[in-house]
C-alpha atoms as a PDB file:
ATOM      1  CA  MET A   1     -10.524   2.762 -33.672  1.00  0.00           C
ATOM      2  CA  ALA A   2     -12.444   5.914 -33.007  1.00  0.00           C
ATOM      3  CA  GLY A   3     -15.468   5.606 -30.745  1.00  0.00           C
ATOM      4  CA  GLU A   4     -14.544   2.212 -29.264  1.00  0.00           C
ATOM      5  CA  ASP A   5     -14.463   1.701 -25.531  1.00  0.00           C
ATOM      6  CA  ARG A   6     -10.945   0.812 -24.506  1.00  0.00           C
ATOM      7  CA  ILE A   7      -9.491  -0.432 -21.301  1.00  0.00           C
ATOM      8  CA  GLY A   8      -6.720   1.894 -20.260  1.00  0.00           C
ATOM      9  CA  PHE A   9      -3.712   1.225 -18.146  1.00  0.00           C
ATOM     10  CA  ASP A  10      -3.035   4.843 -17.303  1.00  0.00           C
ATOM     11  CA  GLY A  11      -1.910   5.309 -13.746  1.00  0.00           C
ATOM     12  CA  LEU A  12      -0.394   1.880 -13.210  1.00  0.00           C
ATOM     13  CA  ASP A  13       2.919   3.565 -12.529  1.00  0.00           C
ATOM     14  CA  LYS A  14       1.374   5.773  -9.827  1.00  0.00           C
ATOM     15  CA  PRO A  15       1.968   4.895  -6.177  1.00  0.00           C
ATOM     16  CA  PRO A  16      -0.879   3.044  -4.446  1.00  0.00           C
ATOM     17  CA  MET A  17      -3.454   4.964  -2.464  1.00  0.00           C
ATOM     18  CA  PRO A  18      -2.534   5.553   1.180  1.00  0.00           C
ATOM     19  CA  PRO A  19      -4.272   3.307   3.692  1.00  0.00           C
ATOM     20  CA  ARG A  20      -7.732   4.316   4.918  1.00  0.00           C
ATOM     21  CA  TYR A  21      -8.117   2.397   8.153  1.00  0.00           C
ATOM     22  CA  ARG A  22     -11.499   2.112   9.872  1.00  0.00           C
ATOM     23  CA  ALA A  23     -12.458   0.343  13.067  1.00  0.00           C
ATOM     24  CA  ILE A  24     -16.047  -0.913  12.947  1.00  0.00           C
ATOM     25  CA  LEU A  25     -17.649  -1.388  16.379  1.00  0.00           C
ATOM     26  CA  ILE A  26     -19.819  -4.528  16.453  1.00  0.00           C
ATOM     27  CA  GLY A  27     -22.538  -5.190  19.058  1.00  0.00           C
ATOM     28  CA  LYS A  28     -23.229  -8.503  20.780  1.00  0.00           C
ATOM     29  CA  SER A  29     -25.905  -9.488  18.257  1.00  0.00           C
ATOM     30  CA  GLY A  30     -23.746  -8.499  15.269  1.00  0.00           C
ATOM     31  CA  GLU A  31     -25.149  -5.029  14.642  1.00  0.00           C
ATOM     32  CA  VAL A  32     -22.849  -2.186  13.656  1.00  0.00           C
ATOM     33  CA  LEU A  33     -22.631   0.317  16.508  1.00  0.00           C
ATOM     34  CA  GLY A  34     -20.324   2.815  14.869  1.00  0.00           C
ATOM     35  CA  MET A  35     -17.145   3.486  12.973  1.00  0.00           C
ATOM     36  CA  THR A  36     -13.905   5.214  13.875  1.00  0.00           C
ATOM     37  CA  ARG A  37     -11.250   6.325  11.402  1.00  0.00           C
ATOM     38  CA  LEU A  38      -7.714   5.476  12.463  1.00  0.00           C
ATOM     39  CA  ASN A  39      -4.931   7.867  11.511  1.00  0.00           C
ATOM     40  CA  VAL A  40      -2.046   5.402  11.180  1.00  0.00           C
ATOM     41  CA  ASP A  41       0.279   4.405   8.348  1.00  0.00           C
ATOM     42  CA  ASP A  42       0.446   0.610   8.492  1.00  0.00           C
ATOM     43  CA  ASP A  43      -1.384  -2.572   9.462  1.00  0.00           C
ATOM     44  CA  PRO A  44       0.507  -3.290  12.712  1.00  0.00           C
ATOM     45  CA  ASN A  45      -0.237   0.175  14.138  1.00  0.00           C
ATOM     46  CA  ALA A  46      -3.842  -0.014  12.963  1.00  0.00           C
ATOM     47  CA  MET A  47      -4.215  -3.374  14.712  1.00  0.00           C
ATOM     48  CA  VAL A  48      -2.897  -1.944  17.988  1.00  0.00           C
ATOM     49  CA  GLU A  49      -5.330   0.976  17.847  1.00  0.00           C
ATOM     50  CA  ALA A  50      -8.294  -1.172  16.823  1.00  0.00           C
ATOM     51  CA  LYS A  51      -7.645  -3.703  19.589  1.00  0.00           C
ATOM     52  CA  ALA A  52      -7.552  -0.854  22.124  1.00  0.00           C
ATOM     53  CA  LEU A  53     -11.122   0.060  21.101  1.00  0.00           C
ATOM     54  CA  VAL A  54     -12.528  -3.297  22.289  1.00  0.00           C
ATOM     55  CA  ASN A  55     -14.659  -2.270  25.278  1.00  0.00           C
ATOM     56  CA  GLY A  56     -17.843  -4.297  25.659  1.00  0.00           C
ATOM     57  CA  HIS A  57     -18.098  -4.754  21.888  1.00  0.00           C
ATOM     58  CA  ALA A  58     -16.093  -6.443  19.160  1.00  0.00           C
ATOM     59  CA  VAL A  59     -14.077  -4.459  16.629  1.00  0.00           C
ATOM     60  CA  GLU A  60     -13.375  -5.203  12.973  1.00  0.00           C
ATOM     61  CA  LEU A  61     -10.454  -3.512  11.247  1.00  0.00           C
ATOM     62  CA  TRP A  62     -10.724  -2.535   7.573  1.00  0.00           C
ATOM     63  CA  ASP A  63      -8.517  -0.682   5.103  1.00  0.00           C
ATOM     64  CA  GLY A  64     -10.955   0.504   2.463  1.00  0.00           C
ATOM     65  CA  VAL A  65     -12.645  -2.702   1.261  1.00  0.00           C
ATOM     66  CA  ARG A  66      -9.844  -4.931   2.606  1.00  0.00           C
ATOM     67  CA  PHE A  67     -10.747  -6.789   5.816  1.00  0.00           C
ATOM     68  CA  ILE A  68      -7.750  -7.051   8.136  1.00  0.00           C
ATOM     69  CA  ASP A  69      -8.811  -8.555  11.480  1.00  0.00           C
ATOM     70  CA  HIS A  70     -11.599  -9.122  13.999  1.00  0.00           C
ATOM     71  CA  PHE A  71     -11.065  -8.408  17.700  1.00  0.00           C
ATOM     72  CA  PRO A  72     -13.729 -10.100  19.855  1.00  0.00           C
ATOM     73  CA  THR A  73     -14.792  -9.005  23.314  1.00  0.00           C
ATOM     74  CA  PRO A  74     -13.034 -10.931  26.076  1.00  0.00           C
ATOM     75  CA  ASP A  75     -15.161 -13.642  27.674  1.00  0.00           C
END
């Protein structure tokens, strides 16, 4: 019917968006210290790069709004 809001399914056949990996640097008291974009194509490579950023602070790895892993500082 004309003028009705409709839910569309356009674009469901399109490929998914490419990953947008970010490493979030987390301070000792839980504050966000910064963010680094990671230019990789998959989770395993993103995890390697994020883990390498652990240096006196924890790192969380995200792909858009999807949480992937947390890398704590070594004790």
